[in-house]
């Protein structure tokens, strides 16, 4: 459906927020959020530890988040990826940066995502 990039002066990375219309709507939102997160990372060949995924059920909304450091390459990366899902929609957000440079930026990006909600 589209995406938005949020960039702020002093941030070492960019927050990408993508909007998705769900095809399969019978699965509980929290389960769908986890599956969408796993599928997205697998499709992009991003290595990730499945045990690092946190899932929350927030009533009609599900949230899946992964936050980890990937150090196997020359340039280590700090990944934080969110999927927020309701009955018919999903939001994917991602903030990726060098762990030596993320500072408070990744926490600020997390607060932006925490303030998002679906309007019925």
Protein backbone atom coordinates (compact mmCIF):
# COMPACT_ATOMS: atom_id res chain seq x y z
CA UNK A 1 0.00 0.00 0.00
CA UNK A 2 2.97 2.35 0.45
CA UNK A 3 5.64 3.49 2.85
CA UNK A 4 7.00 6.52 4.66
CA UNK A 5 10.61 7.24 5.58
CA UNK A 6 11.28 9.24 8.74
CA UNK A 7 14.65 10.90 9.03
CA UNK A 8 15.78 13.18 11.81
CA UNK A 9 18.89 15.29 12.12
CA UNK A 10 21.43 13.41 14.21
CA UNK A 11 19.95 9.96 13.55
CA UNK A 12 22.49 7.54 12.06
CA UNK A 13 19.68 5.66 10.28
CA UNK A 14 16.22 6.07 8.83
CA UNK A 15 12.93 4.68 10.12
CA UNK A 16 10.90 3.06 7.37
CA UNK A 17 7.18 2.53 7.94
CA UNK A 18 5.32 0.41 5.38
CA UNK A 19 1.57 -0.04 5.19
CA UNK A 20 0.18 -3.42 4.16
CA UNK A 21 -3.30 -4.76 3.48
CA UNK A 22 -3.68 -8.28 4.89
CA UNK A 23 -4.86 -11.03 2.55
CA UNK A 24 -5.44 -13.67 5.23
CA UNK A 25 -7.66 -12.29 8.00
CA UNK A 26 -8.73 -15.36 10.02
CA UNK A 27 -5.49 -15.75 11.97
CA UNK A 28 -5.24 -13.94 15.33
CA UNK A 29 -3.43 -10.61 14.99
CA UNK A 30 -0.47 -11.54 17.24
CA UNK A 31 0.17 -14.76 15.29
CA UNK A 32 -0.09 -12.91 12.00
CA UNK A 33 2.37 -10.25 13.21
CA UNK A 34 4.96 -12.92 14.05
CA UNK A 35 4.52 -14.75 10.76
CA UNK A 36 4.73 -11.53 8.74
CA UNK A 37 7.93 -10.58 10.56
CA UNK A 38 9.52 -13.99 10.02
CA UNK A 39 8.46 -14.16 6.35
CA UNK A 40 9.72 -10.66 5.60
CA UNK A 41 13.15 -11.30 7.09
CA UNK A 42 13.44 -14.68 5.37
CA UNK A 43 12.44 -13.21 1.97
CA UNK A 44 15.19 -10.61 2.34
CA UNK A 45 17.78 -13.20 3.43
CA UNK A 46 18.24 -11.48 6.78
CA UNK A 47 19.66 -13.93 9.29
CA UNK A 48 17.78 -13.67 12.58
CA UNK A 49 17.33 -15.72 15.73
CA UNK A 50 13.66 -16.75 15.99
CA UNK A 51 13.91 -16.77 19.77
CA UNK A 52 14.63 -13.02 19.68
CA UNK A 53 11.10 -12.23 18.43
CA UNK A 54 8.81 -10.75 21.08
CA UNK A 55 5.06 -10.96 20.48
CA UNK A 56 2.29 -9.06 22.26
CA UNK A 57 -1.46 -9.28 21.93
CA UNK A 58 -3.04 -5.87 22.46
CA UNK A 59 -6.73 -6.67 22.12
CA UNK A 60 -7.56 -6.56 18.41
CA UNK A 61 -3.95 -5.66 17.56
CA UNK A 62 -0.89 -7.88 17.57
CA UNK A 63 2.71 -6.69 17.74
CA UNK A 64 5.87 -8.62 16.87
CA UNK A 65 9.31 -7.07 17.41
CA UNK A 66 12.83 -8.25 16.85
CA UNK A 67 15.82 -6.41 18.20
CA UNK A 68 19.27 -7.86 17.75
CA UNK A 69 22.84 -7.23 16.76
CA UNK A 70 24.21 -8.91 13.66
CA UNK A 71 28.00 -9.07 13.94
CA UNK A 72 28.96 -11.70 11.34
CA UNK A 73 29.76 -9.15 8.60
CA UNK A 74 32.49 -6.56 8.33
CA UNK A 75 30.01 -3.89 9.36
CA UNK A 76 27.90 -4.93 12.37
CA UNK A 77 24.24 -3.91 12.30
CA UNK A 78 21.64 -3.25 14.98
CA UNK A 79 18.21 -4.28 13.71
CA UNK A 80 14.86 -3.40 15.21
CA UNK A 81 11.86 -4.46 13.12
CA UNK A 82 8.22 -4.23 14.16
CA UNK A 83 5.01 -5.64 12.69
CA UNK A 84 1.74 -4.27 14.04
CA UNK A 85 -1.35 -6.10 12.78
CA UNK A 86 -5.10 -5.72 13.16
CA UNK A 87 -7.94 -7.60 11.43
CA UNK A 88 -7.29 -6.32 7.89
CA UNK A 89 -4.10 -4.21 7.99
CA UNK A 90 -0.47 -4.37 8.99
CA UNK A 91 2.30 -1.88 9.54
CA UNK A 92 5.92 -2.87 9.18
CA UNK A 93 8.55 -0.56 10.61
CA UNK A 94 12.30 -1.00 10.52
CA UNK A 95 15.23 0.89 11.95
CA UNK A 96 18.70 -0.40 11.08
CA UNK A 97 22.01 1.20 11.95
CA UNK A 98 25.56 0.55 13.05
CA UNK A 99 25.37 -0.38 16.77
CA UNK A 100 28.20 2.02 17.55
CA UNK A 101 26.08 4.90 16.24
CA UNK A 102 22.52 4.12 17.30
CA UNK A 103 22.64 5.86 20.69
CA UNK A 104 19.20 7.11 21.64
CA UNK A 105 17.92 7.24 18.05
CA UNK A 106 16.66 3.66 18.07
CA UNK A 107 14.85 4.31 21.36
CA UNK A 108 13.24 7.41 19.87
CA UNK A 109 12.16 5.38 16.83
CA UNK A 110 10.63 2.83 19.24
CA UNK A 111 8.60 5.55 20.94
CA UNK A 112 7.24 6.65 17.55
CA UNK A 113 6.08 3.09 16.84
CA UNK A 114 4.61 2.71 20.35
CA UNK A 115 2.44 5.79 19.70
CA UNK A 116 0.97 4.34 16.49
CA UNK A 117 -2.49 2.81 16.49
CA UNK A 118 -5.05 1.66 13.99
CA UNK A 119 -8.17 3.76 13.61
CA UNK A 120 -11.24 1.55 13.04
